[in-house]
Amino acid sequence: MNRIIISGISLTNPDTFQPTQYLSNDDAIPADNGKFHYPVCSYLKKNMRPGDKYKVILLVKKDDNKNYEKNIDIFKKEMEEANTDAGAEIEYASPVYTDFKEELTVHEQLMDQLIDRIEDGDHIIYDMTYGPKDQPIVVFTALNFAEKYLGCEMEHIIYGQITNFDENHNPVKGIMCDMAPLFSLSSILNLINSDDPEKSRKLLKSLLSV
C-alpha cells in the first residue's frame, strides 16, 4: 500500500533538540519504546512492514539560523532507524519550503505545493507536532481537498504531547495522540446545507451525536 508521510520540521536549535519517548494509550497508533525526535518515526518503527511504500513530504519553515537544515537530517536518520527491520521503500519528495512569515501568499504557497506532492488515492499520515501555529490549519484545508477530490484517505494525524521534563527542562516523556477525530470534526461542516441558523444548529448537534 502506498502511504504519504507529511511532517513539519522543528525550528529548535538542533544542538539542544532532545529525543523523547512517546507512549501511546491508543491501540490504533502503537508506538515504539525508544526515544525519537519526531513522533511519527516512533509510530513507524512499530508499524512499518516489508513491502510497504512511503513517500515523505517535509514541511519546512526557513528560519534565519537555518536550524531546519540539520533538523531535516535528524528526521531522515530517524526514518532510517524506523525502517531498519522492515526494509520498506522510502521516497522523499522535494521538501515544501516556505518563509517564516504570516502572510496569505505564504499560506497559499504551502497549500499549493503540498497538493502537488499528494497523489490520487494516497493513504496519508500527518505528524503535526512541529511547525508554526498556522501550519496545521493550512494542512487541514489541503487534506480536506485531498480526501474530497483526490480519493485520498486519512489514516492518522499524529501529535506528540510532552508530559514530563527533567530538571533542565528537557523533554523526557510524551504521549502520542491521534488527532484524526479533530480533522473529521472540521469535515462535518461540509455535510450541513441550510440557510436557516436554527436548523443548522440542530443538524450540527445531530451529526455530533452520531
Protein backbone atom coordinates (compact mmCIF):
# COMPACT_ATOMS: atom_id res chain seq x y z
CA MET A 1 0.00 0.00 0.00
CA ASN A 2 1.24 3.50 -0.85
CA ARG A 3 1.31 5.90 2.04
CA ILE A 4 2.19 9.56 2.31
CA ILE A 5 4.03 10.77 5.40
CA ILE A 6 3.64 14.51 5.96
CA SER A 7 5.65 16.07 8.78
CA GLY A 8 6.53 19.54 9.92
CA ILE A 9 10.21 20.10 10.67
CA SER A 10 11.22 21.52 14.04
CA LEU A 11 12.72 25.01 14.27
CA THR A 12 14.51 24.11 17.51
CA ASN A 13 18.28 24.54 17.74
CA PRO A 14 19.49 21.07 16.70
CA ASP A 15 22.20 21.18 19.39
CA THR A 16 19.51 21.27 22.10
CA PHE A 17 16.82 19.28 20.27
CA GLN A 18 16.28 16.24 22.52
CA PRO A 19 14.66 12.91 21.59
CA THR A 20 11.70 11.78 23.66
CA GLN A 21 9.97 8.52 24.48
CA TYR A 22 6.40 8.76 23.21
CA LEU A 23 3.95 6.41 24.91
CA SER A 24 0.61 5.52 23.35
CA ASN A 25 -2.63 4.65 25.09
CA ASP A 26 -4.37 4.20 21.75
CA ASP A 27 -4.28 0.76 20.10
CA ALA A 28 -4.73 2.45 16.73
CA ILE A 29 -1.36 4.21 17.00
CA PRO A 30 1.08 1.89 18.81
CA ALA A 31 4.48 3.45 19.46
CA ASP A 32 8.00 2.09 19.85
CA ASN A 33 9.61 2.23 23.30
CA GLY A 34 12.70 4.05 22.04
CA LYS A 35 13.37 7.78 22.01
CA PHE A 36 12.69 9.82 18.90
CA HIS A 37 12.72 13.50 17.97
CA TYR A 38 9.77 13.02 15.62
CA PRO A 39 6.75 11.08 16.99
CA VAL A 40 5.78 9.74 13.56
CA CYS A 41 9.08 7.83 13.43
CA SER A 42 8.23 6.17 16.73
CA TYR A 43 4.91 5.10 15.20
CA LEU A 44 6.54 3.86 12.00
CA LYS A 45 9.18 1.88 13.90
CA LYS A 46 6.33 -0.14 15.35
CA ASN A 47 4.19 -0.35 12.23
CA MET A 48 6.40 -0.49 9.12
CA ARG A 49 6.20 -3.78 7.23
CA PRO A 50 8.24 -5.29 4.38
CA GLY A 51 6.75 -4.28 1.04
CA ASP A 52 5.32 -1.02 2.34
CA LYS A 53 5.94 2.07 0.23
CA TYR A 54 6.22 5.51 1.78
CA LYS A 55 6.55 8.93 0.21
CA VAL A 56 7.74 11.57 2.68
CA ILE A 57 6.77 15.22 2.37
CA LEU A 58 8.56 17.54 4.80
CA LEU A 59 7.08 20.96 5.58
CA VAL A 60 9.98 23.32 6.20
CA LYS A 61 9.86 26.86 7.54
CA LYS A 62 13.10 28.66 6.70
CA ASP A 63 14.35 30.19 9.95
CA ASP A 64 17.18 32.76 9.84
CA ASN A 65 19.58 30.45 11.69
CA LYS A 66 18.96 27.62 9.22
CA ASN A 67 18.22 25.17 12.02
CA TYR A 68 15.89 23.43 9.60
CA GLU A 69 18.82 22.06 7.58
CA LYS A 70 20.17 19.89 10.43
CA ASN A 71 16.67 19.08 11.64
CA ILE A 72 15.82 17.63 8.22
CA ASP A 73 18.87 15.38 8.57
CA ILE A 74 17.65 14.30 12.04
CA PHE A 75 14.29 13.34 10.57
CA LYS A 76 15.85 11.30 7.78
CA LYS A 77 18.15 9.44 10.19
CA GLU A 78 15.16 8.56 12.37
CA MET A 79 13.26 7.31 9.32
CA GLU A 80 16.20 5.04 8.52
CA GLU A 81 16.21 3.78 12.09
CA ALA A 82 12.46 3.16 12.00
CA ASN A 83 12.90 1.20 8.77
CA THR A 84 15.84 -0.97 9.95
CA ASP A 85 13.83 -4.15 10.47
CA ALA A 86 11.06 -3.63 7.92
CA GLY A 87 13.09 -2.65 4.88
CA ALA A 88 10.18 -0.69 3.43
CA GLU A 89 10.59 1.50 0.34
CA ILE A 90 11.01 5.19 1.22
CA GLU A 91 10.93 8.04 -1.27
CA TYR A 92 11.48 11.69 -0.35
CA ALA A 93 9.55 14.30 -2.28
CA SER A 94 11.23 17.67 -2.56
CA PRO A 95 10.53 19.49 0.74
CA VAL A 96 7.91 22.22 0.85
CA TYR A 97 9.95 25.29 1.77
CA THR A 98 8.11 28.42 2.87
CA ASP A 99 9.23 31.65 4.53
CA PHE A 100 8.64 32.14 8.25
CA LYS A 101 6.00 34.82 7.68
CA GLU A 102 2.30 35.15 8.47
CA GLU A 103 1.15 36.20 5.02
CA LEU A 104 -1.64 34.88 2.80
CA THR A 105 0.77 34.32 -0.09
CA VAL A 106 2.90 32.05 2.14
CA HIS A 107 -0.17 30.03 3.18
CA GLU A 108 -1.27 29.72 -0.45
CA GLN A 109 2.22 28.59 -1.45
CA LEU A 110 2.22 25.90 1.25
CA MET A 111 -1.17 24.56 0.22
CA ASP A 112 -0.37 24.61 -3.49
CA GLN A 113 2.96 22.81 -3.13
CA LEU A 114 1.54 20.24 -0.73
CA ILE A 115 -1.35 19.34 -3.05
CA ASP A 116 1.11 18.99 -5.94
CA ARG A 117 3.03 16.33 -3.99
CA ILE A 118 -0.01 14.27 -2.94
CA GLU A 119 -1.07 11.62 -5.45
CA ASP A 120 -4.61 10.38 -6.14
CA GLY A 121 -5.75 7.65 -3.77
CA ASP A 122 -2.90 8.00 -1.26
CA HIS A 123 -3.27 6.96 2.37
CA ILE A 124 -1.99 9.84 4.48
CA ILE A 125 -0.28 10.07 7.88
CA TYR A 126 0.39 13.62 9.09
CA ASP A 127 2.64 14.48 12.04
CA MET A 128 1.54 17.94 13.19
CA THR A 129 3.86 18.13 16.22
CA TYR A 130 6.26 20.71 14.80
CA GLY A 131 5.82 23.89 12.83
CA PRO A 132 4.23 27.31 13.37
CA LYS A 133 0.68 27.55 14.68
CA ASP A 134 -0.81 28.44 11.30
CA GLN A 135 0.61 25.38 9.56
CA PRO A 136 -1.94 22.74 10.71
CA ILE A 137 -4.80 24.99 9.62
CA VAL A 138 -3.42 25.20 6.08
CA VAL A 139 -2.55 21.49 6.01
CA PHE A 140 -6.04 20.51 7.23
CA THR A 141 -7.50 22.51 4.35
CA ALA A 142 -5.23 20.71 1.88
CA LEU A 143 -6.09 17.32 3.39
CA ASN A 144 -9.81 18.09 3.17
CA PHE A 145 -9.28 18.77 -0.53
CA ALA A 146 -7.26 15.56 -0.97
CA GLU A 147 -9.90 13.48 0.77
CA LYS A 148 -12.87 15.02 -1.04
CA TYR A 149 -11.49 15.40 -4.56
CA LEU A 150 -8.40 13.16 -4.90
CA GLY A 151 -9.80 10.00 -3.35
CA CYS A 152 -7.24 10.04 -0.54
CA GLU A 153 -7.77 8.53 2.91
CA MET A 154 -6.61 9.96 6.23
CA GLU A 155 -5.08 7.21 8.35
CA HIS A 156 -3.70 9.17 11.28
CA ILE A 157 -2.89 12.70 12.37
CA ILE A 158 -0.16 12.34 14.97
CA TYR A 159 0.68 14.82 17.70
CA GLY A 160 3.42 14.25 20.28
CA GLN A 161 2.37 15.86 23.55
CA ILE A 162 5.24 16.32 26.02
CA THR A 163 4.16 15.37 29.54
CA ASN A 164 7.40 15.19 31.56
CA PHE A 165 10.53 17.33 31.70
CA ASP A 166 13.82 16.88 33.60
CA GLU A 167 15.39 19.44 35.93
CA ASN A 168 16.92 21.21 32.91
CA HIS A 169 13.52 21.47 31.22
CA ASN A 170 14.45 18.87 28.59
CA PRO A 171 11.58 16.61 27.46
CA VAL A 172 11.68 13.14 28.99
CA LYS A 173 8.35 11.53 28.14
CA GLY A 174 5.42 12.28 25.92
CA ILE A 175 2.12 10.85 24.80
CA MET A 176 1.33 10.07 21.19
CA CYS A 177 -2.12 11.36 20.27
CA ASP A 178 -4.19 10.75 17.17
CA MET A 179 -5.86 14.00 16.12
CA ALA A 180 -7.77 12.43 13.22
CA PRO A 181 -11.09 12.91 15.08
CA LEU A 182 -10.35 16.65 15.09
CA PHE A 183 -9.89 16.52 11.32
CA SER A 184 -13.18 14.63 10.99
CA LEU A 185 -14.88 17.25 13.14
CA SER A 186 -13.82 20.00 10.76
CA SER A 187 -15.15 17.94 7.84
CA ILE A 188 -18.62 17.65 9.40
CA LEU A 189 -19.45 21.21 8.38
CA ASN A 190 -19.41 20.11 4.73
CA LEU A 191 -22.45 17.94 5.46
CA ILE A 192 -24.62 20.86 6.58
CA ASN A 193 -26.57 22.53 3.81
CA SER A 194 -29.01 25.01 5.29
CA ASP A 195 -29.54 28.77 5.29
CA ASP A 196 -31.61 28.60 8.48
CA PRO A 197 -29.41 29.23 11.60
CA GLU A 198 -31.67 27.25 13.94
CA LYS A 199 -31.91 24.32 11.55
CA SER A 200 -28.14 24.41 11.07
CA ARG A 201 -27.61 24.21 14.85
CA LYS A 202 -29.91 21.19 15.07
CA LEU A 203 -28.18 19.49 12.14
CA LEU A 204 -24.78 20.02 13.78
CA LYS A 205 -25.97 18.60 17.10
CA SER A 206 -27.45 15.63 15.26
CA LEU A 207 -24.19 14.94 13.39
CA LEU A 208 -22.11 15.25 16.58
CA SER A 209 -24.31 12.72 18.37
CA VAL A 210 -23.91 10.01 15.70
